[in-house]
Amino acid sequence: MGVVEAVERSSPVGRRAFLALLGLGAAGIAVGARVEGWLERTLGPVIARDPTGFLSLLPFGRFRIYTVTGGLPERSRADYRLRVDGLVERPMTLRFDELVAMPSMRVVHDFQCVTGWRVHDVAWKGVRLRDVLDRAGVRPHARAVRFVSFDGAYSESLTLAQARRDDVMVAYELEGEPLSSAHGGPARLYVAPMYGYKSLKWLSRIEVTDSVIPGFWEERGYDVDGWVGASNGRDDDPTVRSPGRKR
């Protein structure tokens, strides 16, 4: 059973309506936040019911939505918690309101998927990851940072130098709107100069470690250093770039 078949059998959205919405996403047409929210509420369950494999895909506004579990996990901002631990002086758990009370930053950057599609000039708002790390107090022998999703399956890692870049953040807004569940909300990792698989969704834990621990996709053959190639034209800090092969 494919995604379209799942719509026909179990969704209140008819097949024709679903195909029309699919066409909007495939054409890259930007939809308003209110319409996009309706799409998420209506079609999110369809993604969860698609049994074709651990990875699901649906065009969604300017983006395509991926999930390694076949579903979109939900957590309200009131219930959201971000744990910061490992090799830190002050392990802590941040509520969502504590996170957004920290000094914020904005980044406008292309979002590049390793499968080849790109969304141009995406506006993100959040907290610099290095500010979160400094608040916890990184110990001298730390060398890397591991990230865990509350979807129960996904993880990622960065070197400490990568994590401290100006364009790496814990994001909670996308295109001027609160980060939706489909886009990894309430808060996610965003690593501007790397492929999208490095920007872990549904962030629940930041663990400071003494070495890089390969994440979900690295264990399946993806590069640990997922730098976007030179064609991106926006990765302008070669001092911290690792060569890595492109995929």
C-alpha atoms as a PDB file:
ATOM      1  CA  MET A   1       0.000   0.000   0.000  1.00  0.00           C
ATOM      2  CA  GLY A   2       1.464   3.389  -0.976  1.00  0.00           C
ATOM      3  CA  VAL A   3       0.724   6.850   0.427  1.00  0.00           C
ATOM      4  CA  VAL A   4      -2.054   7.541  -2.100  1.00  0.00           C
ATOM      5  CA  GLU A   5      -3.662   4.186  -1.321  1.00  0.00           C
ATOM      6  CA  ALA A   6      -3.524   4.996   2.388  1.00  0.00           C
ATOM      7  CA  VAL A   7      -5.398   8.231   1.694  1.00  0.00           C
ATOM      8  CA  GLU A   8      -8.106   6.425  -0.223  1.00  0.00           C
ATOM      9  CA  ARG A   9      -8.712   3.882   2.525  1.00  0.00           C
ATOM     10  CA  SER A  10      -8.248   5.778   5.761  1.00  0.00           C
ATOM     11  CA  SER A  11      -8.194   9.550   5.367  1.00  0.00           C
ATOM     12  CA  PRO A  12     -11.102  12.026   5.211  1.00  0.00           C
ATOM     13  CA  VAL A  13      -9.188  13.707   2.354  1.00  0.00           C
ATOM     14  CA  GLY A  14     -10.258  12.194  -0.973  1.00  0.00           C
ATOM     15  CA  ARG A  15      -7.818  10.881  -3.531  1.00  0.00           C
ATOM     16  CA  ARG A  16      -8.326  13.815  -5.897  1.00  0.00           C
ATOM     17  CA  ALA A  17      -7.783  16.367  -3.136  1.00  0.00           C
ATOM     18  CA  PHE A  18      -4.673  14.555  -1.967  1.00  0.00           C
ATOM     19  CA  LEU A  19      -3.212  14.459  -5.484  1.00  0.00           C
ATOM     20  CA  ALA A  20      -3.910  18.174  -5.880  1.00  0.00           C
ATOM     21  CA  LEU A  21      -2.100  18.935  -2.614  1.00  0.00           C
ATOM     22  CA  LEU A  22       0.743  16.652  -3.651  1.00  0.00           C
ATOM     23  CA  GLY A  23       1.027  18.651  -6.848  1.00  0.00           C
ATOM     24  CA  LEU A  24       1.271  21.907  -4.909  1.00  0.00           C
ATOM     25  CA  GLY A  25       4.171  20.550  -2.892  1.00  0.00           C
ATOM     26  CA  ALA A  26       5.954  19.050  -5.876  1.00  0.00           C
ATOM     27  CA  ALA A  27       5.694  22.343  -7.746  1.00  0.00           C
ATOM     28  CA  GLY A  28       7.311  24.105  -4.813  1.00  0.00           C
ATOM     29  CA  ILE A  29       4.411  26.498  -4.309  1.00  0.00           C
ATOM     30  CA  ALA A  30       4.691  28.305  -0.991  1.00  0.00           C
ATOM     31  CA  VAL A  31       1.463  28.094   0.986  1.00  0.00           C
ATOM     32  CA  GLY A  32       0.390  30.310   3.849  1.00  0.00           C
ATOM     33  CA  ALA A  33       1.029  29.274   7.427  1.00  0.00           C
ATOM     34  CA  ARG A  34      -2.667  28.667   8.088  1.00  0.00           C
ATOM     35  CA  VAL A  35      -3.065  26.414   5.046  1.00  0.00           C
ATOM     36  CA  GLU A  36       0.193  24.635   5.817  1.00  0.00           C
ATOM     37  CA  GLY A  37      -1.034  23.939   9.344  1.00  0.00           C
ATOM     38  CA  TRP A  38      -4.211  22.414   7.917  1.00  0.00           C
ATOM     39  CA  LEU A  39      -2.137  20.210   5.613  1.00  0.00           C
ATOM     40  CA  GLU A  40      -0.092  18.988   8.556  1.00  0.00           C
ATOM     41  CA  ARG A  41      -3.108  18.181  10.714  1.00  0.00           C
ATOM     42  CA  THR A  42      -4.926  16.443   7.868  1.00  0.00           C
ATOM     43  CA  LEU A  43      -2.128  14.580   6.118  1.00  0.00           C
ATOM     44  CA  GLY A  44       0.225  13.909   9.013  1.00  0.00           C
ATOM     45  CA  PRO A  45      -1.705  10.777  10.056  1.00  0.00           C
ATOM     46  CA  VAL A  46      -1.462   9.499   6.478  1.00  0.00           C
ATOM     47  CA  ILE A  47       2.311   9.546   6.730  1.00  0.00           C
ATOM     48  CA  ALA A  48       2.113   7.582   9.964  1.00  0.00           C
ATOM     49  CA  ARG A  49      -0.026   4.882   8.311  1.00  0.00           C
ATOM     50  CA  ASP A  50       2.180   4.405   5.252  1.00  0.00           C
ATOM     51  CA  PRO A  51       3.735   0.930   5.729  1.00  0.00           C
ATOM     52  CA  THR A  52       6.115   0.971   2.732  1.00  0.00           C
ATOM     53  CA  GLY A  53       9.235   1.385   4.888  1.00  0.00           C
ATOM     54  CA  PHE A  54      10.924   3.272   7.737  1.00  0.00           C
ATOM     55  CA  LEU A  55      11.229   6.416   5.616  1.00  0.00           C
ATOM     56  CA  SER A  56       8.198   8.391   4.466  1.00  0.00           C
ATOM     57  CA  LEU A  57       8.090  11.374   2.135  1.00  0.00           C
ATOM     58  CA  LEU A  58       5.461  13.998   1.363  1.00  0.00           C
ATOM     59  CA  PRO A  59       5.778  17.348  -0.431  1.00  0.00           C
ATOM     60  CA  PHE A  60       4.794  19.972   2.124  1.00  0.00           C
ATOM     61  CA  GLY A  61       4.753  23.611   1.084  1.00  0.00           C
ATOM     62  CA  ARG A  62       8.287  24.350  -0.144  1.00  0.00           C
ATOM     63  CA  PHE A  63       9.691  21.293   1.655  1.00  0.00           C
ATOM     64  CA  ARG A  64       9.489  17.534   1.576  1.00  0.00           C
ATOM     65  CA  ILE A  65       8.847  15.925   4.937  1.00  0.00           C
ATOM     66  CA  TYR A  66      10.864  12.875   5.988  1.00  0.00           C
ATOM     67  CA  THR A  67      10.489  10.672   9.041  1.00  0.00           C
ATOM     68  CA  VAL A  68      12.535   7.605   9.949  1.00  0.00           C
ATOM     69  CA  THR A  69       9.734   6.139  12.070  1.00  0.00           C
ATOM     70  CA  GLY A  70       6.827   6.553   9.635  1.00  0.00           C
ATOM     71  CA  GLY A  71       5.058   9.089  11.863  1.00  0.00           C
ATOM     72  CA  LEU A  72       5.154  12.672  13.057  1.00  0.00           C
ATOM     73  CA  PRO A  73       5.755  12.806  16.822  1.00  0.00           C
ATOM     74  CA  GLU A  74       3.895  15.499  18.739  1.00  0.00           C
ATOM     75  CA  ARG A  75       4.933  17.467  21.795  1.00  0.00           C
ATOM     76  CA  SER A  76       3.354  20.712  22.954  1.00  0.00           C
ATOM     77  CA  ARG A  77       5.477  23.715  23.832  1.00  0.00           C
ATOM     78  CA  ALA A  78       4.169  23.484  27.399  1.00  0.00           C
ATOM     79  CA  ASP A  79       5.382  19.881  27.668  1.00  0.00           C
ATOM     80  CA  TYR A  80       8.634  20.352  25.768  1.00  0.00           C
ATOM     81  CA  ARG A  81      11.920  19.740  27.604  1.00  0.00           C
ATOM     82  CA  LEU A  82      15.486  19.888  26.289  1.00  0.00           C
ATOM     83  CA  ARG A  83      18.053  17.953  28.299  1.00  0.00           C
ATOM     84  CA  VAL A  84      21.700  19.071  28.147  1.00  0.00           C
ATOM     85  CA  ASP A  85      24.156  16.671  29.782  1.00  0.00           C
ATOM     86  CA  GLY A  86      27.259  14.555  29.262  1.00  0.00           C
ATOM     87  CA  LEU A  87      30.638  16.281  29.653  1.00  0.00           C
ATOM     88  CA  VAL A  88      29.273  19.511  31.111  1.00  0.00           C
ATOM     89  CA  GLU A  89      29.708  21.259  34.439  1.00  0.00           C
ATOM     90  CA  ARG A  90      26.024  22.042  34.896  1.00  0.00           C
ATOM     91  CA  PRO A  91      23.648  19.428  33.447  1.00  0.00           C
ATOM     92  CA  MET A  92      20.282  21.060  32.892  1.00  0.00           C
ATOM     93  CA  THR A  93      16.814  20.664  31.465  1.00  0.00           C
ATOM     94  CA  LEU A  94      15.378  23.654  29.594  1.00  0.00           C
ATOM     95  CA  ARG A  95      11.668  24.285  29.193  1.00  0.00           C
ATOM     96  CA  PHE A  96      10.516  25.845  25.931  1.00  0.00           C
ATOM     97  CA  ASP A  97       9.937  29.242  27.557  1.00  0.00           C
ATOM     98  CA  GLU A  98      13.458  29.164  29.007  1.00  0.00           C
ATOM     99  CA  LEU A  99      14.889  28.374  25.590  1.00  0.00           C
ATOM    100  CA  VAL A 100      13.135  31.273  23.840  1.00  0.00           C
ATOM    101  CA  ALA A 101      14.129  33.643  26.668  1.00  0.00           C
ATOM    102  CA  MET A 102      17.781  33.200  25.702  1.00  0.00           C
ATOM    103  CA  PRO A 103      19.366  35.647  23.209  1.00  0.00           C
ATOM    104  CA  SER A 104      18.027  34.800  19.765  1.00  0.00           C
ATOM    105  CA  MET A 105      19.578  34.741  16.314  1.00  0.00           C
ATOM    106  CA  ARG A 106      18.318  34.579  12.728  1.00  0.00           C
ATOM    107  CA  VAL A 107      19.804  32.795   9.745  1.00  0.00           C
ATOM    108  CA  VAL A 108      18.615  32.940   6.134  1.00  0.00           C
ATOM    109  CA  HIS A 109      20.134  30.099   4.134  1.00  0.00           C
ATOM    110  CA  ASP A 110      19.273  27.553   1.475  1.00  0.00           C
ATOM    111  CA  PHE A 111      18.100  24.208   2.858  1.00  0.00           C
ATOM    112  CA  GLN A 112      19.742  21.426   0.851  1.00  0.00           C
ATOM    113  CA  CYS A 113      18.679  17.780   0.990  1.00  0.00           C
ATOM    114  CA  VAL A 114      21.231  15.093   0.237  1.00  0.00           C
ATOM    115  CA  THR A 115      18.756  13.617  -2.291  1.00  0.00           C
ATOM    116  CA  GLY A 116      19.139  16.704  -4.471  1.00  0.00           C
ATOM    117  CA  TRP A 117      16.258  19.092  -3.787  1.00  0.00           C
ATOM    118  CA  ARG A 118      16.833  22.542  -2.328  1.00  0.00           C
ATOM    119  CA  VAL A 119      14.684  25.268  -0.768  1.00  0.00           C
ATOM    120  CA  HIS A 120      16.159  28.719  -1.310  1.00  0.00           C
ATOM    121  CA  ASP A 121      16.469  31.468   1.305  1.00  0.00           C
ATOM    122  CA  VAL A 122      14.829  29.798   4.282  1.00  0.00           C
ATOM    123  CA  ALA A 123      14.536  32.034   7.369  1.00  0.00           C
ATOM    124  CA  TRP A 124      15.207  30.397  10.747  1.00  0.00           C
ATOM    125  CA  LYS A 125      15.138  31.820  14.268  1.00  0.00           C
ATOM    126  CA  GLY A 126      16.481  30.227  17.410  1.00  0.00           C
ATOM    127  CA  VAL A 127      19.306  30.146  19.929  1.00  0.00           C
ATOM    128  CA  ARG A 128      22.944  29.641  18.983  1.00  0.00           C
ATOM    129  CA  LEU A 129      23.928  26.140  19.981  1.00  0.00           C
ATOM    130  CA  ARG A 130      27.162  27.445  21.448  1.00  0.00           C
ATOM    131  CA  ASP A 131      25.145  29.650  23.843  1.00  0.00           C
ATOM    132  CA  VAL A 132      23.311  26.567  25.103  1.00  0.00           C
ATOM    133  CA  LEU A 133      26.622  24.754  25.504  1.00  0.00           C
ATOM    134  CA  ASP A 134      28.202  27.702  27.328  1.00  0.00           C
ATOM    135  CA  ARG A 135      25.250  27.842  29.706  1.00  0.00           C
ATOM    136  CA  ALA A 136      25.887  24.201  30.621  1.00  0.00           C
ATOM    137  CA  GLY A 137      29.662  24.658  30.797  1.00  0.00           C
ATOM    138  CA  VAL A 138      31.562  22.317  28.461  1.00  0.00           C
ATOM    139  CA  ARG A 139      34.377  20.395  30.146  1.00  0.00           C
ATOM    140  CA  PRO A 140      37.933  20.757  28.762  1.00  0.00           C
ATOM    141  CA  HIS A 141      38.245  17.227  27.381  1.00  0.00           C
ATOM    142  CA  ALA A 142      34.987  17.378  25.406  1.00  0.00           C
ATOM    143  CA  ARG A 143      35.360  17.008  21.637  1.00  0.00           C
ATOM    144  CA  ALA A 144      31.895  16.440  20.182  1.00  0.00           C
ATOM    145  CA  VAL A 145      28.156  16.835  20.694  1.00  0.00           C
ATOM    146  CA  ARG A 146      25.447  14.202  20.184  1.00  0.00           C
ATOM    147  CA  PHE A 147      21.792  15.044  19.548  1.00  0.00           C
ATOM    148  CA  VAL A 148      18.771  12.829  20.224  1.00  0.00           C
ATOM    149  CA  SER A 149      15.234  13.139  18.863  1.00  0.00           C
ATOM    150  CA  PHE A 150      12.091  12.402  20.836  1.00  0.00           C
ATOM    151  CA  ASP A 151      10.862  10.330  17.877  1.00  0.00           C
ATOM    152  CA  GLY A 152      12.644   7.429  19.612  1.00  0.00           C
ATOM    153  CA  ALA A 153      14.983   6.570  16.737  1.00  0.00           C
ATOM    154  CA  TYR A 154      16.952   9.477  15.318  1.00  0.00           C
ATOM    155  CA  SER A 155      20.320  10.807  16.458  1.00  0.00           C
ATOM    156  CA  GLU A 156      23.090  13.002  15.038  1.00  0.00           C
ATOM    157  CA  SER A 157      26.540  14.287  16.026  1.00  0.00           C
ATOM    158  CA  LEU A 158      28.830  17.238  15.372  1.00  0.00           C
ATOM    159  CA  THR A 159      32.366  17.980  16.408  1.00  0.00           C
ATOM    160  CA  LEU A 160      32.579  20.630  19.107  1.00  0.00           C
ATOM    161  CA  ALA A 161      34.118  23.068  16.589  1.00  0.00           C
ATOM    162  CA  GLN A 162      31.181  22.524  14.219  1.00  0.00           C
ATOM    163  CA  ALA A 163      28.671  22.935  17.037  1.00  0.00           C
ATOM    164  CA  ARG A 164      30.172  26.309  17.972  1.00  0.00           C
ATOM    165  CA  ARG A 165      29.738  27.844  14.509  1.00  0.00           C
ATOM    166  CA  ASP A 166      27.720  31.051  14.174  1.00  0.00           C
ATOM    167  CA  ASP A 167      25.261  29.344  11.806  1.00  0.00           C
ATOM    168  CA  VAL A 168      24.357  26.362  13.993  1.00  0.00           C
ATOM    169  CA  MET A 169      21.317  26.774  16.233  1.00  0.00           C
ATOM    170  CA  VAL A 170      18.518  25.257  18.217  1.00  0.00           C
ATOM    171  CA  ALA A 171      15.691  26.545  16.013  1.00  0.00           C
ATOM    172  CA  TYR A 172      12.123  27.225  17.137  1.00  0.00           C
ATOM    173  CA  GLU A 173      10.785  29.412  14.290  1.00  0.00           C
ATOM    174  CA  LEU A 174      10.654  28.832  10.538  1.00  0.00           C
ATOM    175  CA  GLU A 175       9.713  31.561   8.049  1.00  0.00           C
ATOM    176  CA  GLY A 176       8.408  33.764  10.888  1.00  0.00           C
ATOM    177  CA  GLU A 177       6.108  31.083  12.314  1.00  0.00           C
ATOM    178  CA  PRO A 178       6.478  28.722  15.296  1.00  0.00           C
ATOM    179  CA  LEU A 179       8.194  25.518  14.211  1.00  0.00           C
ATOM    180  CA  SER A 180       5.512  22.945  13.422  1.00  0.00           C
ATOM    181  CA  SER A 181       5.657  19.260  14.262  1.00  0.00           C
ATOM    182  CA  ALA A 182       6.160  18.388  10.585  1.00  0.00           C
ATOM    183  CA  HIS A 183       9.271  20.570  10.537  1.00  0.00           C
ATOM    184  CA  GLY A 184      10.646  19.142  13.781  1.00  0.00           C
ATOM    185  CA  GLY A 185       9.055  21.373  16.429  1.00  0.00           C
ATOM    186  CA  PRO A 186       8.792  22.585  19.042  1.00  0.00           C
ATOM    187  CA  ALA A 187      12.595  22.825  18.601  1.00  0.00           C
ATOM    188  CA  ARG A 188      15.163  21.222  16.317  1.00  0.00           C
ATOM    189  CA  LEU A 189      18.817  21.389  15.456  1.00  0.00           C
ATOM    190  CA  TYR A 190      19.657  23.507  12.400  1.00  0.00           C
ATOM    191  CA  VAL A 191      23.128  23.229  10.827  1.00  0.00           C
ATOM    192  CA  ALA A 192      23.080  25.760   7.980  1.00  0.00           C
ATOM    193  CA  PRO A 193      26.110  24.640   5.906  1.00  0.00           C
ATOM    194  CA  MET A 194      25.368  20.903   6.033  1.00  0.00           C
ATOM    195  CA  TYR A 195      22.867  18.651   4.302  1.00  0.00           C
ATOM    196  CA  GLY A 196      19.443  18.439   5.888  1.00  0.00           C
ATOM    197  CA  TYR A 197      19.968  15.055   7.532  1.00  0.00           C
ATOM    198  CA  LYS A 198      22.380  16.730   9.969  1.00  0.00           C
ATOM    199  CA  SER A 199      19.645  19.110  11.200  1.00  0.00           C
ATOM    200  CA  LEU A 200      17.941  16.734  13.607  1.00  0.00           C
ATOM    201  CA  LYS A 201      14.202  17.199  14.143  1.00  0.00           C
ATOM    202  CA  TRP A 202      12.284  16.972  17.431  1.00  0.00           C
ATOM    203  CA  LEU A 203      15.354  17.711  19.526  1.00  0.00           C
ATOM    204  CA  SER A 204      15.113  16.380  23.082  1.00  0.00           C
ATOM    205  CA  ARG A 205      18.692  15.876  24.235  1.00  0.00           C
ATOM    206  CA  ILE A 206      22.100  17.464  23.719  1.00  0.00           C
ATOM    207  CA  GLU A 207      24.905  15.261  25.040  1.00  0.00           C
ATOM    208  CA  VAL A 208      28.482  16.540  25.102  1.00  0.00           C
ATOM    209  CA  THR A 209      30.908  13.675  24.409  1.00  0.00           C
ATOM    210  CA  ASP A 210      34.625  12.950  24.049  1.00  0.00           C
ATOM    211  CA  SER A 211      34.310  11.757  20.425  1.00  0.00           C
ATOM    212  CA  VAL A 212      31.899  11.877  17.500  1.00  0.00           C
ATOM    213  CA  ILE A 213      29.234   9.164  17.717  1.00  0.00           C
ATOM    214  CA  PRO A 214      27.819   8.317  14.273  1.00  0.00           C
ATOM    215  CA  GLY A 215      24.122   9.089  14.003  1.00  0.00           C
ATOM    216  CA  PHE A 216      21.182   7.309  12.401  1.00  0.00           C
ATOM    217  CA  TRP A 217      22.143   8.040   8.794  1.00  0.00           C
ATOM    218  CA  GLU A 218      25.893   7.715   9.333  1.00  0.00           C
ATOM    219  CA  GLU A 219      25.298   4.153  10.521  1.00  0.00           C
ATOM    220  CA  ARG A 220      23.634   3.592   7.138  1.00  0.00           C
ATOM    221  CA  GLY A 221      26.488   4.956   5.036  1.00  0.00           C
ATOM    222  CA  TYR A 222      26.077   8.749   5.038  1.00  0.00           C
ATOM    223  CA  ASP A 223      29.040  11.034   5.723  1.00  0.00           C
ATOM    224  CA  VAL A 224      29.658  12.087   9.319  1.00  0.00           C
ATOM    225  CA  ASP A 225      30.759  15.488   7.974  1.00  0.00           C
ATOM    226  CA  GLY A 226      27.771  16.317   5.784  1.00  0.00           C
ATOM    227  CA  TRP A 227      28.992  19.563   4.225  1.00  0.00           C
ATOM    228  CA  VAL A 228      27.029  20.850   1.251  1.00  0.00           C
ATOM    229  CA  GLY A 229      29.230  21.129  -1.849  1.00  0.00           C
ATOM    230  CA  ALA A 230      30.737  24.295  -3.220  1.00  0.00           C
ATOM    231  CA  SER A 231      27.758  24.740  -5.574  1.00  0.00           C
ATOM    232  CA  ASN A 232      25.738  25.910  -2.577  1.00  0.00           C
ATOM    233  CA  GLY A 233      27.637  29.194  -2.762  1.00  0.00           C
ATOM    234  CA  ARG A 234      26.943  30.072   0.860  1.00  0.00           C
ATOM    235  CA  ASP A 235      29.342  27.932   2.858  1.00  0.00           C
ATOM    236  CA  ASP A 236      31.939  30.605   3.439  1.00  0.00           C
ATOM    237  CA  ASP A 237      33.892  29.345   6.436  1.00  0.00           C
ATOM    238  CA  PRO A 238      36.536  26.959   5.038  1.00  0.00           C
ATOM    239  CA  THR A 239      38.523  27.071   8.278  1.00  0.00           C
ATOM    240  CA  VAL A 240      36.217  24.523   9.903  1.00  0.00           C
ATOM    241  CA  ARG A 241      35.229  22.507   6.838  1.00  0.00           C
ATOM    242  CA  SER A 242      36.092  18.826   6.575  1.00  0.00           C
ATOM    243  CA  PRO A 243      36.546  17.378   3.093  1.00  0.00           C
ATOM    244  CA  GLY A 244      34.041  14.470   3.299  1.00  0.00           C
ATOM    245  CA  ARG A 245      32.580  12.981   0.126  1.00  0.00           C
ATOM    246  CA  LYS A 246      29.306  14.293  -1.251  1.00  0.00           C
ATOM    247  CA  ARG A 247      26.290  12.056  -1.613  1.00  0.00           C
END
